Every structure is written in structure tokens, then in C-alpha cells.
């Protein structure tokens, strides 16, 4: 509109109308700013609540995983031990063919004072699964529950150079800690990470050496298996 063509009264009306419209627009803008600020405050509060809940969930998961791992403090998992679904006296066979030679080495080193017999070594032994019929798949692992954590530790400390060949001459037998599913998953993730030189477990706790640490670096425990690899390796 060309206001130069308007009369003085029309110009005045136009200016008043424009000022009122401008003021109304300013009021609406201020209202929107206030609403946005209120929403930002709400979002920040909700984000804080979410963060707090995430930390609580992480704590509960860590606590439950620790309790489950502690329940396995007298257990080892044995791979590649031959047998069949109809096998009997599994504990006796595991003791004679695997544990007895390892414990004899432990006695020679002075880790234990006497060579324990089957009844004072193994509380129970059972297969974690069934044999796959007509296949070349390895036998299901054996879960060995020892009579005490001390006997289990003696076996772990002396298994490296004292594990005898497999009774059937197949794959070598492997004894490892019986890890919780969550701990086992994190160990696999770290093993696949090129930034990790070595990772293993000690009493259910993951220990690792980073590639950047050098050859003589000391292993460090993984404080939380529910953190990302980036956080763990930072």
C-alpha cells in the first residue's frame, strides 16, 4: 500500500493498526518463547530422570550378573570331553582322565598338600546339552562343580601344561571358567576388537591388555561389562 495517497487521518489509522499488529505479534512471540523454555525445562528434567533410570538399571544388571557369577565360583566348564548320551559315572571319568593328572601336578608344585580323591574333588559333573545325533559336532560341554573353590583354583592354575590328550584322540580338552552369558558376550566382543591385545578371566572378572599398552603392560580389570568397548578402552 502506498500510504502517500492516504489522508492524514487514514495515515494515522494505518500507523495505529500497524503498531497494534506489531505489538500482538511481539506478544505471541514472547508467549512462544515462554512455552519453548518451559518445554526445554521439561525435556531436561525428563532426560535427567531417564539418565538416572539407566544408571539404576545398569547397577541392577551388574549386581545380578555378579551374584550369578559368584554362584559359579566352584564350577568349571570342560570342552571336547568324549562320551555319549548313555554314559555313566561321568564325574569319575572326568576325574580319572583329566583332573587327577592336573591335581598331581598341583601337589608336586605345593599348591595342595595331598592328592584329593574323587569324592573330595568333584561334587557333580553333567553335560550342558545333548549329543547331536549323526553329526561331527563336538560333544556338549561338561559342567564340573568342585567341592571347594580352592580345588577349582588349583586345577585352573595347573591346567596349562598338565592337561592330558583327549581320551579319544580328537580335539584337545579345554577347561575354562563357567561364565555368565553377559560376561561371555562381552569377552567375545573384546576379543574381536583390534584395540585389545589379550583378554581373559580371573575369578569371573574380565582382564585385558590394550594393543597400545605394549608388551610388558599389566592387565587391567573390566569394571563394568555393560559399558561399550569405547568406554572400557578409553
C-alpha atoms as a PDB file:
ATOM      1  CA  UNK A   1       0.000   0.000   0.000  1.00  0.00           C
ATOM      2  CA  UNK A   2       1.231   3.476  -0.926  1.00  0.00           C
ATOM      3  CA  UNK A   3       0.474   5.463   2.246  1.00  0.00           C
ATOM      4  CA  UNK A   4       1.385   8.711   0.485  1.00  0.00           C
ATOM      5  CA  UNK A   5      -2.001   8.575  -1.214  1.00  0.00           C
ATOM      6  CA  UNK A   6      -3.838   8.400   2.124  1.00  0.00           C
ATOM      7  CA  UNK A   7      -5.286  11.308   4.009  1.00  0.00           C
ATOM      8  CA  UNK A   8      -3.765  12.334   7.335  1.00  0.00           C
ATOM      9  CA  UNK A   9      -6.499  10.579   9.318  1.00  0.00           C
ATOM     10  CA  UNK A  10      -6.110   7.430   7.214  1.00  0.00           C
ATOM     11  CA  UNK A  11      -2.357   7.540   7.714  1.00  0.00           C
ATOM     12  CA  UNK A  12      -2.880   7.817  11.450  1.00  0.00           C
ATOM     13  CA  UNK A  13      -5.307   4.881  11.459  1.00  0.00           C
ATOM     14  CA  UNK A  14      -2.849   2.836   9.403  1.00  0.00           C
ATOM     15  CA  UNK A  15       0.008   3.552  11.787  1.00  0.00           C
ATOM     16  CA  UNK A  16      -2.117   2.728  14.844  1.00  0.00           C
ATOM     17  CA  UNK A  17      -3.265  -0.517  13.239  1.00  0.00           C
ATOM     18  CA  UNK A  18       0.319  -1.415  12.333  1.00  0.00           C
ATOM     19  CA  UNK A  19       1.566  -0.706  15.851  1.00  0.00           C
ATOM     20  CA  UNK A  20      -1.208  -2.812  17.369  1.00  0.00           C
ATOM     21  CA  UNK A  21      -0.475  -5.665  14.960  1.00  0.00           C
ATOM     22  CA  UNK A  22       3.229  -5.415  15.752  1.00  0.00           C
ATOM     23  CA  UNK A  23       2.515  -5.477  19.476  1.00  0.00           C
ATOM     24  CA  UNK A  24       0.257  -8.504  19.090  1.00  0.00           C
ATOM     25  CA  UNK A  25       2.970 -10.257  17.115  1.00  0.00           C
ATOM     26  CA  UNK A  26       5.504  -9.415  19.799  1.00  0.00           C
ATOM     27  CA  UNK A  27       3.191 -10.802  22.490  1.00  0.00           C
ATOM     28  CA  UNK A  28       2.723 -14.026  20.545  1.00  0.00           C
ATOM     29  CA  UNK A  29       6.480 -14.319  20.101  1.00  0.00           C
ATOM     30  CA  UNK A  30       7.042 -13.864  23.823  1.00  0.00           C
ATOM     31  CA  UNK A  31       4.385 -16.496  24.548  1.00  0.00           C
ATOM     32  CA  UNK A  32       6.077 -18.922  22.173  1.00  0.00           C
ATOM     33  CA  UNK A  33       9.469 -18.248  23.767  1.00  0.00           C
ATOM     34  CA  UNK A  34       7.984 -18.903  27.198  1.00  0.00           C
ATOM     35  CA  UNK A  35       6.399 -22.154  26.003  1.00  0.00           C
ATOM     36  CA  UNK A  36       9.666 -23.276  24.394  1.00  0.00           C
ATOM     37  CA  UNK A  37      11.582 -22.526  27.585  1.00  0.00           C
ATOM     38  CA  UNK A  38       9.035 -24.482  29.602  1.00  0.00           C
ATOM     39  CA  UNK A  39       9.325 -27.402  27.181  1.00  0.00           C
ATOM     40  CA  UNK A  40      13.125 -27.272  27.376  1.00  0.00           C
ATOM     41  CA  UNK A  41      12.920 -27.392  31.174  1.00  0.00           C
ATOM     42  CA  UNK A  42      10.547 -30.361  30.966  1.00  0.00           C
ATOM     43  CA  UNK A  43      12.750 -32.169  28.460  1.00  0.00           C
ATOM     44  CA  UNK A  44      15.837 -31.557  30.613  1.00  0.00           C
ATOM     45  CA  UNK A  45      14.022 -32.905  33.670  1.00  0.00           C
ATOM     46  CA  UNK A  46      12.866 -35.968  31.741  1.00  0.00           C
ATOM     47  CA  UNK A  47      16.377 -36.516  30.369  1.00  0.00           C
ATOM     48  CA  UNK A  48      17.713 -36.405  33.924  1.00  0.00           C
ATOM     49  CA  UNK A  49      15.104 -38.947  35.001  1.00  0.00           C
ATOM     50  CA  UNK A  50      15.968 -41.196  32.040  1.00  0.00           C
ATOM     51  CA  UNK A  51      19.691 -40.967  32.846  1.00  0.00           C
ATOM     52  CA  UNK A  52      19.001 -41.824  36.476  1.00  0.00           C
ATOM     53  CA  UNK A  53      16.842 -44.802  35.463  1.00  0.00           C
ATOM     54  CA  UNK A  54      19.506 -46.015  33.025  1.00  0.00           C
ATOM     55  CA  UNK A  55      22.125 -45.882  35.781  1.00  0.00           C
ATOM     56  CA  UNK A  56      19.828 -47.775  38.127  1.00  0.00           C
ATOM     57  CA  UNK A  57      19.146 -50.449  35.505  1.00  0.00           C
ATOM     58  CA  UNK A  58      22.899 -50.758  34.850  1.00  0.00           C
ATOM     59  CA  UNK A  59      23.561 -51.133  38.580  1.00  0.00           C
ATOM     60  CA  UNK A  60      20.906 -53.838  38.916  1.00  0.00           C
ATOM     61  CA  UNK A  61      22.234 -55.713  35.893  1.00  0.00           C
ATOM     62  CA  UNK A  62      25.774 -55.578  37.276  1.00  0.00           C
ATOM     63  CA  UNK A  63      24.619 -56.712  40.708  1.00  0.00           C
ATOM     64  CA  UNK A  64      22.637 -59.642  39.310  1.00  0.00           C
ATOM     65  CA  UNK A  65      25.466 -60.656  36.990  1.00  0.00           C
ATOM     66  CA  UNK A  66      27.941 -60.542  39.887  1.00  0.00           C
ATOM     67  CA  UNK A  67      25.691 -62.704  42.030  1.00  0.00           C
ATOM     68  CA  UNK A  68      25.244 -65.208  39.215  1.00  0.00           C
ATOM     69  CA  UNK A  69      28.999 -65.314  38.598  1.00  0.00           C
ATOM     70  CA  UNK A  70      29.672 -65.801  42.310  1.00  0.00           C
ATOM     71  CA  UNK A  71      27.291 -68.763  42.282  1.00  0.00           C
ATOM     72  CA  UNK A  72      29.674 -70.366  39.776  1.00  0.00           C
ATOM     73  CA  UNK A  73      32.805 -69.893  41.908  1.00  0.00           C
ATOM     74  CA  UNK A  74      33.196 -73.678  42.314  1.00  0.00           C
ATOM     75  CA  UNK A  75      32.420 -74.526  38.675  1.00  0.00           C
ATOM     76  CA  UNK A  76      34.490 -75.075  35.542  1.00  0.00           C
ATOM     77  CA  UNK A  77      33.321 -75.827  32.014  1.00  0.00           C
ATOM     78  CA  UNK A  78      35.049 -78.610  30.087  1.00  0.00           C
ATOM     79  CA  UNK A  79      35.006 -78.786  26.283  1.00  0.00           C
ATOM     80  CA  UNK A  80      35.774 -81.710  23.961  1.00  0.00           C
ATOM     81  CA  UNK A  81      35.405 -84.467  26.544  1.00  0.00           C
ATOM     82  CA  UNK A  82      34.173 -87.536  24.608  1.00  0.00           C
ATOM     83  CA  UNK A  83      31.147 -89.567  25.629  1.00  0.00           C
ATOM     84  CA  UNK A  84      27.584 -90.360  24.701  1.00  0.00           C
ATOM     85  CA  UNK A  85      24.036 -89.805  25.892  1.00  0.00           C
ATOM     86  CA  UNK A  86      24.173 -93.207  27.568  1.00  0.00           C
ATOM     87  CA  UNK A  87      27.382 -92.529  29.507  1.00  0.00           C
ATOM     88  CA  UNK A  88      27.533 -93.288  33.223  1.00  0.00           C
ATOM     89  CA  UNK A  89      29.814 -92.165  36.042  1.00  0.00           C
ATOM     90  CA  UNK A  90      30.758 -89.004  34.183  1.00  0.00           C
ATOM     91  CA  UNK A  91      32.335 -87.460  37.290  1.00  0.00           C
ATOM     92  CA  UNK A  92      34.604 -90.476  37.763  1.00  0.00           C
ATOM     93  CA  UNK A  93      35.723 -90.423  34.132  1.00  0.00           C
ATOM     94  CA  UNK A  94      36.464 -86.701  34.216  1.00  0.00           C
ATOM     95  CA  UNK A  95      38.434 -87.155  37.432  1.00  0.00           C
ATOM     96  CA  UNK A  96      40.492 -90.111  36.185  1.00  0.00           C
ATOM     97  CA  UNK A  97      41.225 -88.836  32.674  1.00  0.00           C
ATOM     98  CA  UNK A  98      41.631 -85.120  33.334  1.00  0.00           C
ATOM     99  CA  UNK A  99      41.538 -83.819  36.889  1.00  0.00           C
ATOM    100  CA  UNK A 100      43.776 -86.389  38.573  1.00  0.00           C
ATOM    101  CA  UNK A 101      46.860 -85.621  36.408  1.00  0.00           C
ATOM    102  CA  UNK A 102      46.340 -81.872  36.877  1.00  0.00           C
ATOM    103  CA  UNK A 103      45.942 -82.207  40.639  1.00  0.00           C
ATOM    104  CA  UNK A 104      49.030 -84.416  40.802  1.00  0.00           C
ATOM    105  CA  UNK A 105      50.984 -81.575  39.196  1.00  0.00           C
ATOM    106  CA  UNK A 106      49.435 -79.140  41.686  1.00  0.00           C
ATOM    107  CA  UNK A 107      50.621 -81.354  44.550  1.00  0.00           C
ATOM    108  CA  UNK A 108      54.140 -81.502  43.086  1.00  0.00           C
ATOM    109  CA  UNK A 109      54.248 -77.703  42.980  1.00  0.00           C
ATOM    110  CA  UNK A 110      52.983 -77.423  46.536  1.00  0.00           C
ATOM    111  CA  UNK A 111      49.675 -75.771  45.613  1.00  0.00           C
ATOM    112  CA  UNK A 112      47.883 -78.539  47.511  1.00  0.00           C
ATOM    113  CA  UNK A 113      49.235 -80.753  50.285  1.00  0.00           C
ATOM    114  CA  UNK A 114      47.652 -84.064  49.268  1.00  0.00           C
ATOM    115  CA  UNK A 115      46.125 -85.520  46.120  1.00  0.00           C
ATOM    116  CA  UNK A 116      42.351 -85.433  46.704  1.00  0.00           C
ATOM    117  CA  UNK A 117      40.260 -88.384  45.624  1.00  0.00           C
ATOM    118  CA  UNK A 118      37.108 -88.171  43.534  1.00  0.00           C
ATOM    119  CA  UNK A 119      34.742 -87.758  46.497  1.00  0.00           C
ATOM    120  CA  UNK A 120      36.673 -84.785  47.852  1.00  0.00           C
ATOM    121  CA  UNK A 121      37.231 -83.221  44.430  1.00  0.00           C
ATOM    122  CA  UNK A 122      34.042 -83.296  42.363  1.00  0.00           C
ATOM    123  CA  UNK A 123      30.608 -82.626  43.786  1.00  0.00           C
ATOM    124  CA  UNK A 124      28.881 -83.292  40.472  1.00  0.00           C
ATOM    125  CA  UNK A 125      29.511 -83.365  36.735  1.00  0.00           C
ATOM    126  CA  UNK A 126      26.897 -83.212  33.979  1.00  0.00           C
ATOM    127  CA  UNK A 127      26.520 -82.373  30.307  1.00  0.00           C
ATOM    128  CA  UNK A 128      25.203 -78.963  29.299  1.00  0.00           C
ATOM    129  CA  UNK A 129      23.078 -80.332  26.491  1.00  0.00           C
ATOM    130  CA  UNK A 130      22.682 -83.496  24.467  1.00  0.00           C
ATOM    131  CA  UNK A 131      24.871 -85.117  21.844  1.00  0.00           C
ATOM    132  CA  UNK A 132      23.937 -84.270  18.260  1.00  0.00           C
ATOM    133  CA  UNK A 133      22.961 -87.497  16.532  1.00  0.00           C
ATOM    134  CA  UNK A 134      24.798 -88.416  13.352  1.00  0.00           C
ATOM    135  CA  UNK A 135      26.968 -85.310  13.152  1.00  0.00           C
ATOM    136  CA  UNK A 136      30.562 -84.272  13.586  1.00  0.00           C
ATOM    137  CA  UNK A 137      29.694 -81.592  16.092  1.00  0.00           C
ATOM    138  CA  UNK A 138      31.763 -81.579  19.283  1.00  0.00           C
ATOM    139  CA  UNK A 139      30.272 -83.202  22.378  1.00  0.00           C
ATOM    140  CA  UNK A 140      28.274 -80.948  24.690  1.00  0.00           C
ATOM    141  CA  UNK A 141      30.439 -79.342  27.361  1.00  0.00           C
ATOM    142  CA  UNK A 142      30.701 -80.828  30.832  1.00  0.00           C
ATOM    143  CA  UNK A 143      29.861 -78.686  33.831  1.00  0.00           C
ATOM    144  CA  UNK A 144      32.124 -79.653  36.748  1.00  0.00           C
ATOM    145  CA  UNK A 145      31.159 -78.485  40.223  1.00  0.00           C
ATOM    146  CA  UNK A 146      34.053 -78.865  42.644  1.00  0.00           C
ATOM    147  CA  UNK A 147      33.746 -79.476  46.357  1.00  0.00           C
ATOM    148  CA  UNK A 148      35.518 -76.174  47.050  1.00  0.00           C
ATOM    149  CA  UNK A 149      36.772 -73.063  45.252  1.00  0.00           C
ATOM    150  CA  UNK A 150      40.297 -73.951  46.449  1.00  0.00           C
ATOM    151  CA  UNK A 151      40.352 -77.229  44.493  1.00  0.00           C
ATOM    152  CA  UNK A 152      38.939 -75.431  41.454  1.00  0.00           C
ATOM    153  CA  UNK A 153      41.668 -72.791  41.707  1.00  0.00           C
ATOM    154  CA  UNK A 154      44.378 -75.447  41.938  1.00  0.00           C
ATOM    155  CA  UNK A 155      43.039 -77.008  38.734  1.00  0.00           C
ATOM    156  CA  UNK A 156      42.934 -73.653  36.949  1.00  0.00           C
ATOM    157  CA  UNK A 157      46.470 -72.742  37.993  1.00  0.00           C
ATOM    158  CA  UNK A 158      47.949 -76.043  36.819  1.00  0.00           C
ATOM    159  CA  UNK A 159      45.927 -76.957  33.749  1.00  0.00           C
ATOM    160  CA  UNK A 160      48.087 -75.162  31.174  1.00  0.00           C
ATOM    161  CA  UNK A 161      50.911 -77.696  30.841  1.00  0.00           C
ATOM    162  CA  UNK A 162      49.242 -80.655  32.523  1.00  0.00           C
ATOM    163  CA  UNK A 163      46.034 -81.243  30.563  1.00  0.00           C
ATOM    164  CA  UNK A 164      46.354 -84.729  29.063  1.00  0.00           C
ATOM    165  CA  UNK A 165      45.350 -85.558  25.473  1.00  0.00           C
ATOM    166  CA  UNK A 166      41.691 -86.257  24.789  1.00  0.00           C
ATOM    167  CA  UNK A 167      40.791 -89.891  25.609  1.00  0.00           C
ATOM    168  CA  UNK A 168      39.597 -90.475  22.049  1.00  0.00           C
ATOM    169  CA  UNK A 169      42.493 -88.647  20.418  1.00  0.00           C
ATOM    170  CA  UNK A 170      40.234 -85.947  18.999  1.00  0.00           C
ATOM    171  CA  UNK A 171      40.363 -82.239  19.798  1.00  0.00           C
ATOM    172  CA  UNK A 172      42.268 -81.276  22.903  1.00  0.00           C
ATOM    173  CA  UNK A 173      40.257 -80.824  26.068  1.00  0.00           C
ATOM    174  CA  UNK A 174      39.713 -77.255  27.237  1.00  0.00           C
ATOM    175  CA  UNK A 175      38.917 -76.184  30.799  1.00  0.00           C
ATOM    176  CA  UNK A 176      37.594 -72.667  31.324  1.00  0.00           C
ATOM    177  CA  UNK A 177      35.711 -70.688  33.916  1.00  0.00           C
ATOM    178  CA  UNK A 178      31.948 -71.062  33.696  1.00  0.00           C
ATOM    179  CA  UNK A 179      30.968 -67.505  32.778  1.00  0.00           C
ATOM    180  CA  UNK A 180      27.563 -65.902  32.855  1.00  0.00           C
ATOM    181  CA  UNK A 181      26.050 -65.249  29.406  1.00  0.00           C
ATOM    182  CA  UNK A 182      26.579 -61.496  29.809  1.00  0.00           C
ATOM    183  CA  UNK A 183      30.252 -61.850  30.770  1.00  0.00           C
ATOM    184  CA  UNK A 184      30.833 -64.336  27.950  1.00  0.00           C
ATOM    185  CA  UNK A 185      29.262 -61.971  25.380  1.00  0.00           C
ATOM    186  CA  UNK A 186      31.427 -59.060  26.494  1.00  0.00           C
ATOM    187  CA  UNK A 187      34.562 -61.210  26.365  1.00  0.00           C
ATOM    188  CA  UNK A 188      33.735 -62.173  22.761  1.00  0.00           C
ATOM    189  CA  UNK A 189      33.159 -58.511  21.878  1.00  0.00           C
ATOM    190  CA  UNK A 190      36.516 -57.522  23.333  1.00  0.00           C
ATOM    191  CA  UNK A 191      38.318 -60.419  21.664  1.00  0.00           C
ATOM    192  CA  UNK A 192      37.009 -59.190  18.304  1.00  0.00           C
ATOM    193  CA  UNK A 193      38.178 -55.614  18.966  1.00  0.00           C
ATOM    194  CA  UNK A 194      41.511 -54.823  17.297  1.00  0.00           C
ATOM    195  CA  UNK A 195      42.331 -52.407  20.131  1.00  0.00           C
ATOM    196  CA  UNK A 196      42.528 -55.364  22.550  1.00  0.00           C
ATOM    197  CA  UNK A 197      45.743 -57.400  22.626  1.00  0.00           C
ATOM    198  CA  UNK A 198      44.600 -60.010  25.177  1.00  0.00           C
ATOM    199  CA  UNK A 199      41.511 -60.685  27.247  1.00  0.00           C
ATOM    200  CA  UNK A 200      40.829 -63.463  29.734  1.00  0.00           C
ATOM    201  CA  UNK A 201      39.005 -64.047  33.001  1.00  0.00           C
ATOM    202  CA  UNK A 202      40.181 -64.277  36.579  1.00  0.00           C
ATOM    203  CA  UNK A 203      37.613 -65.452  39.122  1.00  0.00           C
ATOM    204  CA  UNK A 204      34.860 -64.370  36.756  1.00  0.00           C
ATOM    205  CA  UNK A 205      36.329 -60.883  36.170  1.00  0.00           C
ATOM    206  CA  UNK A 206      37.415 -59.889  32.667  1.00  0.00           C
ATOM    207  CA  UNK A 207      41.071 -58.851  32.455  1.00  0.00           C
ATOM    208  CA  UNK A 208      42.523 -57.173  29.390  1.00  0.00           C
ATOM    209  CA  UNK A 209      45.629 -55.640  27.881  1.00  0.00           C
ATOM    210  CA  UNK A 210      45.180 -52.999  25.200  1.00  0.00           C
ATOM    211  CA  UNK A 211      47.190 -53.169  21.990  1.00  0.00           C
ATOM    212  CA  UNK A 212      48.505 -49.678  22.710  1.00  0.00           C
ATOM    213  CA  UNK A 213      49.779 -50.694  26.166  1.00  0.00           C
ATOM    214  CA  UNK A 214      52.863 -52.513  24.900  1.00  0.00           C
ATOM    215  CA  UNK A 215      54.241 -55.995  25.529  1.00  0.00           C
ATOM    216  CA  UNK A 216      55.019 -55.703  29.244  1.00  0.00           C
ATOM    217  CA  UNK A 217      51.830 -53.920  30.247  1.00  0.00           C
ATOM    218  CA  UNK A 218      49.892 -55.149  33.262  1.00  0.00           C
ATOM    219  CA  UNK A 219      46.373 -56.391  32.727  1.00  0.00           C
ATOM    220  CA  UNK A 220      43.526 -54.235  33.952  1.00  0.00           C
ATOM    221  CA  UNK A 221      40.125 -55.465  35.125  1.00  0.00           C
ATOM    222  CA  UNK A 222      36.991 -54.518  33.224  1.00  0.00           C
ATOM    223  CA  UNK A 223      34.983 -52.581  35.795  1.00  0.00           C
ATOM    224  CA  UNK A 224      31.638 -52.974  34.052  1.00  0.00           C
ATOM    225  CA  UNK A 225      30.766 -55.445  31.318  1.00  0.00           C
ATOM    226  CA  UNK A 226      27.702 -53.357  30.476  1.00  0.00           C
ATOM    227  CA  UNK A 227      29.771 -50.442  29.181  1.00  0.00           C
ATOM    228  CA  UNK A 228      30.607 -50.065  25.498  1.00  0.00           C
ATOM    229  CA  UNK A 229      34.025 -51.100  24.242  1.00  0.00           C
ATOM    230  CA  UNK A 230      34.819 -47.428  23.588  1.00  0.00           C
ATOM    231  CA  UNK A 231      34.179 -46.583  27.243  1.00  0.00           C
ATOM    232  CA  UNK A 232      36.121 -49.595  28.537  1.00  0.00           C
ATOM    233  CA  UNK A 233      39.118 -48.868  26.306  1.00  0.00           C
ATOM    234  CA  UNK A 234      39.143 -45.084  26.773  1.00  0.00           C
END
